[in-house]
């Protein structure tokens, strides 16, 4: 960690992709959401099904962080729909990187600064 106590997180895109198996859940190929910092930004249709989202959520913070090039979290990008009868998959792609500081993100009273989302230079 540098002297400024900064860290970087990847922005993510989570996109529905089709396989040879039929999709039975309410998600369509090309449907997506973005993750910038802690924020989910839904695609143009503004929706994403709850159950696949619930299955994906635990993986997203790990995908945001830098990992070893041989770690499966780095190399594996496609996650199956949690419904065993559905052929849909979700591709998680690291897109851009975003800089944060400890003071911008900490809830600890003695470490806290201006939240990242309240800074004028923030595009989070």
N, C-alpha and C. Protein backbone atom coordinates (compact mmCIF):
# COMPACT_ATOMS: atom_id res chain seq x y z
N UNK A 1 0.85 -1.18 0.00
CA UNK A 1 0.00 0.00 0.00
C UNK A 1 0.89 1.24 0.00
N UNK A 2 0.52 2.24 -0.76
CA UNK A 2 1.34 3.44 -0.87
C UNK A 2 1.15 4.34 0.35
N UNK A 3 1.96 5.40 0.41
CA UNK A 3 1.86 6.35 1.51
C UNK A 3 0.49 7.03 1.57
N UNK A 4 -0.17 7.17 0.43
CA UNK A 4 -1.47 7.84 0.42
C UNK A 4 -2.60 6.90 0.82
N UNK A 5 -2.25 5.67 1.12
CA UNK A 5 -3.24 4.67 1.54
C UNK A 5 -4.33 4.50 0.49
N UNK A 6 -3.89 4.48 -0.77
CA UNK A 6 -4.84 4.31 -1.86
C UNK A 6 -4.91 2.84 -2.28
N UNK A 7 -5.99 2.51 -2.93
CA UNK A 7 -6.14 1.18 -3.52
C UNK A 7 -6.98 1.31 -4.77
N UNK A 8 -6.93 0.29 -5.60
CA UNK A 8 -7.61 0.30 -6.88
C UNK A 8 -8.60 -0.85 -6.94
N UNK A 9 -9.75 -0.58 -7.52
CA UNK A 9 -10.75 -1.61 -7.77
C UNK A 9 -11.11 -1.60 -9.25
N UNK A 10 -11.32 -2.78 -9.79
CA UNK A 10 -11.78 -2.86 -11.17
C UNK A 10 -13.26 -2.52 -11.25
N UNK A 11 -13.63 -1.84 -12.31
CA UNK A 11 -15.04 -1.74 -12.69
C UNK A 11 -15.38 -3.05 -13.37
N UNK A 12 -16.62 -3.48 -13.26
CA UNK A 12 -17.02 -4.77 -13.84
C UNK A 12 -18.23 -4.58 -14.75
N UNK A 13 -18.30 -5.47 -15.73
CA UNK A 13 -19.52 -5.60 -16.54
C UNK A 13 -19.96 -7.05 -16.41
N UNK A 14 -21.21 -7.26 -16.04
CA UNK A 14 -21.77 -8.61 -15.91
C UNK A 14 -22.85 -8.72 -16.98
N UNK A 15 -22.61 -9.59 -17.95
CA UNK A 15 -23.48 -9.69 -19.12
C UNK A 15 -24.03 -11.10 -19.27
N UNK A 16 -25.29 -11.19 -19.64
CA UNK A 16 -25.93 -12.48 -19.91
C UNK A 16 -25.44 -12.99 -21.27
N UNK A 17 -24.99 -14.25 -21.27
CA UNK A 17 -24.61 -14.87 -22.54
C UNK A 17 -25.40 -16.17 -22.70
N UNK A 18 -25.68 -16.51 -23.93
CA UNK A 18 -26.44 -17.73 -24.24
C UNK A 18 -25.49 -18.91 -24.42
N UNK A 19 -26.00 -20.08 -24.16
CA UNK A 19 -25.29 -21.32 -24.45
C UNK A 19 -26.18 -22.14 -25.38
N UNK A 20 -25.78 -23.38 -25.63
CA UNK A 20 -26.60 -24.24 -26.49
C UNK A 20 -27.87 -24.72 -25.79
N UNK A 21 -27.91 -24.58 -24.47
CA UNK A 21 -29.10 -24.98 -23.70
C UNK A 21 -30.10 -23.83 -23.64
N UNK A 22 -31.39 -24.10 -23.61
CA UNK A 22 -32.38 -23.02 -23.57
C UNK A 22 -32.35 -22.29 -22.22
N UNK A 23 -32.65 -20.99 -22.30
CA UNK A 23 -32.79 -20.20 -21.08
C UNK A 23 -34.23 -20.31 -20.62
N UNK A 24 -34.40 -20.52 -19.32
CA UNK A 24 -35.74 -20.61 -18.76
C UNK A 24 -36.03 -19.47 -17.78
N UNK A 25 -35.02 -18.72 -17.44
CA UNK A 25 -35.18 -17.60 -16.50
C UNK A 25 -35.39 -16.30 -17.28
N UNK A 26 -35.78 -15.27 -16.57
CA UNK A 26 -36.08 -13.99 -17.21
C UNK A 26 -34.83 -13.15 -17.38
N UNK A 27 -33.89 -13.65 -18.17
CA UNK A 27 -32.73 -12.87 -18.59
C UNK A 27 -32.48 -13.21 -20.05
N UNK A 28 -32.03 -12.20 -20.79
CA UNK A 28 -31.84 -12.34 -22.23
C UNK A 28 -30.39 -12.08 -22.59
N UNK A 29 -29.88 -12.75 -23.63
CA UNK A 29 -28.51 -12.48 -24.06
C UNK A 29 -28.30 -10.99 -24.31
N UNK A 30 -27.20 -10.47 -23.82
CA UNK A 30 -26.88 -9.06 -23.98
C UNK A 30 -27.33 -8.19 -22.82
N UNK A 31 -28.26 -8.67 -22.02
CA UNK A 31 -28.69 -7.92 -20.84
C UNK A 31 -27.49 -7.83 -19.89
N UNK A 32 -27.33 -6.69 -19.21
CA UNK A 32 -26.14 -6.53 -18.37
C UNK A 32 -26.37 -5.53 -17.25
N UNK A 33 -25.40 -5.54 -16.32
CA UNK A 33 -25.27 -4.45 -15.36
C UNK A 33 -23.79 -4.18 -15.19
N UNK A 34 -23.48 -2.97 -14.73
CA UNK A 34 -22.11 -2.55 -14.46
C UNK A 34 -21.94 -2.42 -12.96
N UNK A 35 -20.70 -2.55 -12.51
CA UNK A 35 -20.37 -2.31 -11.11
C UNK A 35 -19.21 -1.32 -11.08
N UNK A 36 -19.47 -0.13 -10.52
CA UNK A 36 -18.45 0.91 -10.35
C UNK A 36 -18.33 1.15 -8.85
N UNK A 37 -17.19 0.75 -8.28
CA UNK A 37 -17.06 0.85 -6.82
C UNK A 37 -18.10 -0.05 -6.18
N UNK A 38 -18.94 0.52 -5.35
CA UNK A 38 -19.99 -0.27 -4.68
C UNK A 38 -21.33 -0.18 -5.41
N UNK A 39 -21.37 0.53 -6.51
CA UNK A 39 -22.64 0.81 -7.18
C UNK A 39 -22.92 -0.14 -8.34
N UNK A 40 -24.15 -0.63 -8.38
CA UNK A 40 -24.64 -1.41 -9.51
C UNK A 40 -25.39 -0.46 -10.43
N UNK A 41 -25.08 -0.51 -11.72
CA UNK A 41 -25.72 0.34 -12.71
C UNK A 41 -26.33 -0.60 -13.75
N UNK A 42 -27.64 -0.62 -13.78
CA UNK A 42 -28.33 -1.56 -14.66
C UNK A 42 -28.37 -1.03 -16.08
N UNK A 43 -28.34 -1.95 -17.04
CA UNK A 43 -28.32 -1.62 -18.46
C UNK A 43 -29.55 -0.87 -18.91
N UNK A 44 -29.70 -0.67 -20.21
CA UNK A 44 -30.76 0.18 -20.74
C UNK A 44 -32.17 -0.26 -20.36
N UNK A 45 -32.38 -1.56 -20.16
CA UNK A 45 -33.75 -1.98 -19.79
C UNK A 45 -34.01 -1.82 -18.30
N UNK A 46 -32.97 -1.51 -17.52
CA UNK A 46 -33.14 -1.19 -16.11
C UNK A 46 -33.49 -2.34 -15.19
N UNK A 47 -33.33 -3.57 -15.67
CA UNK A 47 -33.69 -4.69 -14.80
C UNK A 47 -32.66 -5.81 -14.90
N UNK A 48 -32.67 -6.66 -13.88
CA UNK A 48 -31.83 -7.85 -13.85
C UNK A 48 -32.49 -8.80 -12.85
N UNK A 49 -32.64 -10.09 -13.18
CA UNK A 49 -33.38 -11.00 -12.30
C UNK A 49 -32.71 -11.18 -10.93
N UNK A 50 -33.53 -11.29 -9.91
CA UNK A 50 -33.08 -11.37 -8.52
C UNK A 50 -32.22 -12.60 -8.23
N UNK A 51 -32.65 -13.79 -8.62
CA UNK A 51 -31.95 -15.00 -8.21
C UNK A 51 -30.55 -15.12 -8.81
N UNK A 52 -30.37 -14.84 -10.10
CA UNK A 52 -28.98 -14.83 -10.59
C UNK A 52 -28.15 -13.72 -9.93
N UNK A 53 -28.77 -12.56 -9.69
CA UNK A 53 -28.04 -11.48 -9.02
C UNK A 53 -27.58 -11.92 -7.64
N UNK A 54 -28.44 -12.60 -6.90
CA UNK A 54 -28.07 -13.09 -5.56
C UNK A 54 -26.92 -14.07 -5.63
N UNK A 55 -26.88 -14.89 -6.68
CA UNK A 55 -25.78 -15.86 -6.83
C UNK A 55 -24.48 -15.17 -7.23
N UNK A 56 -24.56 -14.09 -7.98
CA UNK A 56 -23.37 -13.38 -8.45
C UNK A 56 -22.77 -12.45 -7.41
N UNK A 57 -23.58 -11.87 -6.55
CA UNK A 57 -23.11 -10.84 -5.62
C UNK A 57 -21.89 -11.25 -4.79
N UNK A 58 -21.81 -12.46 -4.23
CA UNK A 58 -20.62 -12.79 -3.44
C UNK A 58 -19.32 -12.81 -4.23
N UNK A 59 -19.39 -13.00 -5.54
CA UNK A 59 -18.19 -13.06 -6.37
C UNK A 59 -17.67 -11.68 -6.77
N UNK A 60 -18.54 -10.70 -6.82
CA UNK A 60 -18.18 -9.41 -7.40
C UNK A 60 -17.08 -8.65 -6.64
N UNK A 61 -17.12 -8.56 -5.30
CA UNK A 61 -16.02 -7.86 -4.63
C UNK A 61 -14.66 -8.52 -4.88
N UNK A 62 -14.62 -9.83 -5.00
CA UNK A 62 -13.35 -10.50 -5.29
C UNK A 62 -12.90 -10.21 -6.72
N UNK A 63 -13.84 -10.16 -7.66
CA UNK A 63 -13.49 -9.85 -9.05
C UNK A 63 -13.01 -8.41 -9.20
N UNK A 64 -13.41 -7.52 -8.28
CA UNK A 64 -12.98 -6.13 -8.35
C UNK A 64 -11.52 -5.96 -7.96
N UNK A 65 -10.98 -6.88 -7.21
CA UNK A 65 -9.64 -6.72 -6.67
C UNK A 65 -8.59 -7.39 -7.55
N UNK A 66 -7.38 -6.87 -7.49
CA UNK A 66 -6.28 -7.48 -8.22
C UNK A 66 -6.01 -8.87 -7.63
N UNK A 67 -5.85 -9.84 -8.49
CA UNK A 67 -5.57 -11.21 -8.08
C UNK A 67 -4.41 -11.76 -8.90
N UNK A 68 -3.81 -12.81 -8.42
CA UNK A 68 -2.71 -13.44 -9.14
C UNK A 68 -3.17 -13.90 -10.51
N UNK A 69 -2.29 -13.83 -11.50
CA UNK A 69 -2.67 -14.20 -12.86
C UNK A 69 -3.09 -15.67 -12.98
N UNK A 70 -2.72 -16.53 -12.04
CA UNK A 70 -3.07 -17.95 -12.10
C UNK A 70 -4.27 -18.30 -11.21
N UNK A 71 -4.77 -17.32 -10.49
CA UNK A 71 -5.93 -17.54 -9.62
C UNK A 71 -7.17 -17.71 -10.49
N UNK A 72 -8.05 -18.64 -10.13
CA UNK A 72 -9.26 -18.84 -10.94
C UNK A 72 -10.13 -17.60 -10.97
N UNK A 73 -10.02 -16.76 -9.96
CA UNK A 73 -10.80 -15.52 -9.94
C UNK A 73 -10.35 -14.58 -11.07
N UNK A 74 -9.11 -14.72 -11.49
CA UNK A 74 -8.58 -13.93 -12.61
C UNK A 74 -8.95 -14.56 -13.95
N UNK A 75 -8.84 -15.87 -14.04
CA UNK A 75 -8.97 -16.54 -15.34
C UNK A 75 -10.38 -16.95 -15.71
N UNK A 76 -11.23 -17.26 -14.74
CA UNK A 76 -12.57 -17.76 -15.04
C UNK A 76 -13.55 -16.59 -15.04
N UNK A 77 -14.29 -16.44 -16.13
CA UNK A 77 -15.16 -15.27 -16.27
C UNK A 77 -16.63 -15.63 -16.37
N UNK A 78 -16.97 -16.87 -16.70
CA UNK A 78 -18.37 -17.23 -16.93
C UNK A 78 -18.93 -18.02 -15.75
N UNK A 79 -20.09 -17.57 -15.28
CA UNK A 79 -20.78 -18.17 -14.14
C UNK A 79 -22.13 -18.69 -14.63
N UNK A 80 -22.46 -19.92 -14.29
CA UNK A 80 -23.74 -20.50 -14.72
C UNK A 80 -24.89 -19.90 -13.93
N UNK A 81 -26.03 -19.85 -14.57
CA UNK A 81 -27.26 -19.44 -13.89
C UNK A 81 -27.50 -20.40 -12.73
N UNK A 82 -27.97 -19.92 -11.59
CA UNK A 82 -28.19 -20.82 -10.45
C UNK A 82 -29.34 -21.80 -10.66
N UNK A 83 -30.20 -21.57 -11.64
CA UNK A 83 -31.27 -22.52 -11.94
C UNK A 83 -30.67 -23.66 -12.76
N UNK A 84 -30.66 -24.89 -12.23
CA UNK A 84 -29.99 -25.99 -12.95
C UNK A 84 -30.65 -26.33 -14.29
N UNK A 85 -31.84 -25.84 -14.54
CA UNK A 85 -32.52 -26.13 -15.80
C UNK A 85 -32.30 -25.04 -16.85
N UNK A 86 -31.64 -23.96 -16.46
CA UNK A 86 -31.43 -22.82 -17.35
C UNK A 86 -30.05 -22.89 -18.00
N UNK A 87 -29.99 -22.56 -19.26
CA UNK A 87 -28.71 -22.57 -19.99
C UNK A 87 -27.99 -21.25 -19.98
N UNK A 88 -28.54 -20.25 -19.32
CA UNK A 88 -27.90 -18.95 -19.30
C UNK A 88 -26.62 -18.93 -18.49
N UNK A 89 -25.71 -18.08 -18.90
CA UNK A 89 -24.48 -17.84 -18.16
C UNK A 89 -24.27 -16.34 -18.05
N UNK A 90 -23.37 -15.98 -17.14
CA UNK A 90 -23.08 -14.57 -16.90
C UNK A 90 -21.58 -14.37 -17.00
N UNK A 91 -21.18 -13.53 -17.94
CA UNK A 91 -19.76 -13.23 -18.14
C UNK A 91 -19.41 -11.99 -17.32
N UNK A 92 -18.42 -12.13 -16.43
CA UNK A 92 -17.94 -11.01 -15.62
C UNK A 92 -16.64 -10.52 -16.24
N UNK A 93 -16.65 -9.29 -16.71
CA UNK A 93 -15.48 -8.71 -17.37
C UNK A 93 -14.97 -7.53 -16.56
N UNK A 94 -13.67 -7.53 -16.31
CA UNK A 94 -13.04 -6.37 -15.68
C UNK A 94 -12.87 -5.33 -16.78
N UNK A 95 -13.33 -4.13 -16.52
CA UNK A 95 -13.26 -3.10 -17.55
C UNK A 95 -12.19 -2.08 -17.18
N UNK A 96 -12.52 -1.07 -16.44
CA UNK A 96 -11.59 -0.02 -16.07
C UNK A 96 -11.12 -0.23 -14.63
N UNK A 97 -10.21 0.62 -14.16
CA UNK A 97 -9.79 0.60 -12.76
C UNK A 97 -10.11 1.97 -12.16
N UNK A 98 -10.46 1.94 -10.89
CA UNK A 98 -10.86 3.13 -10.17
C UNK A 98 -10.04 3.25 -8.89
N UNK A 99 -9.53 4.45 -8.59
CA UNK A 99 -8.70 4.69 -7.41
C UNK A 99 -9.59 5.13 -6.24
N UNK A 100 -9.31 4.55 -5.09
CA UNK A 100 -9.98 4.91 -3.85
C UNK A 100 -8.90 5.13 -2.79
N UNK A 101 -9.26 5.82 -1.71
CA UNK A 101 -8.36 5.92 -0.57
C UNK A 101 -9.08 5.35 0.65
N UNK A 102 -8.31 4.97 1.63
CA UNK A 102 -8.88 4.42 2.86
C UNK A 102 -9.82 5.42 3.52
N UNK A 103 -9.41 6.68 3.59
CA UNK A 103 -10.23 7.69 4.25
C UNK A 103 -11.56 7.91 3.52
N UNK A 104 -11.60 7.71 2.20
CA UNK A 104 -12.83 7.90 1.43
C UNK A 104 -13.82 6.76 1.64
N UNK A 105 -13.34 5.62 2.09
CA UNK A 105 -14.21 4.44 2.14
C UNK A 105 -14.39 3.86 3.54
N UNK A 106 -13.63 4.34 4.52
CA UNK A 106 -13.68 3.77 5.86
C UNK A 106 -14.88 4.29 6.65
N UNK A 107 -15.47 3.40 7.43
CA UNK A 107 -16.51 3.81 8.36
C UNK A 107 -15.95 4.10 9.74
N UNK A 108 -14.67 3.84 9.94
CA UNK A 108 -14.05 4.08 11.25
C UNK A 108 -13.97 5.58 11.52
N UNK A 109 -14.55 6.05 12.63
CA UNK A 109 -14.61 7.50 12.89
C UNK A 109 -13.25 8.20 12.87
N UNK A 110 -12.21 7.56 13.40
CA UNK A 110 -10.91 8.23 13.45
C UNK A 110 -10.14 8.12 12.14
N UNK A 111 -10.64 7.39 11.16
CA UNK A 111 -9.97 7.22 9.86
C UNK A 111 -10.76 7.87 8.73
N UNK A 112 -11.96 8.34 9.02
CA UNK A 112 -12.90 8.77 8.01
C UNK A 112 -12.55 10.14 7.44
N UNK A 113 -12.71 10.27 6.12
CA UNK A 113 -12.57 11.55 5.42
C UNK A 113 -13.84 11.79 4.61
N UNK A 114 -13.73 12.60 3.60
CA UNK A 114 -14.87 12.85 2.71
C UNK A 114 -15.14 11.58 1.91
N UNK A 115 -16.36 11.07 1.92
CA UNK A 115 -16.65 9.84 1.17
C UNK A 115 -16.34 10.02 -0.32
N UNK A 116 -15.90 8.96 -0.97
CA UNK A 116 -15.53 9.03 -2.39
C UNK A 116 -16.67 9.55 -3.24
N UNK A 117 -17.90 9.21 -2.89
CA UNK A 117 -19.03 9.62 -3.70
C UNK A 117 -19.41 11.08 -3.51
N UNK A 118 -18.80 11.74 -2.51
CA UNK A 118 -19.10 13.15 -2.26
C UNK A 118 -18.00 14.08 -2.74
N UNK A 119 -16.95 13.53 -3.33
CA UNK A 119 -15.85 14.38 -3.82
C UNK A 119 -16.21 14.90 -5.21
N UNK A 120 -15.75 16.10 -5.52
CA UNK A 120 -16.08 16.73 -6.80
C UNK A 120 -15.40 16.04 -7.97
N UNK A 121 -14.29 15.33 -7.73
CA UNK A 121 -13.60 14.66 -8.82
C UNK A 121 -14.07 13.24 -9.02
N UNK A 122 -15.01 12.81 -8.22
CA UNK A 122 -15.48 11.42 -8.28
C UNK A 122 -16.44 11.22 -9.44
N UNK A 123 -16.23 10.14 -10.18
CA UNK A 123 -17.20 9.75 -11.20
C UNK A 123 -17.77 8.38 -10.84
N UNK A 124 -17.72 8.07 -9.54
CA UNK A 124 -18.27 6.80 -9.05
C UNK A 124 -19.74 6.91 -9.06
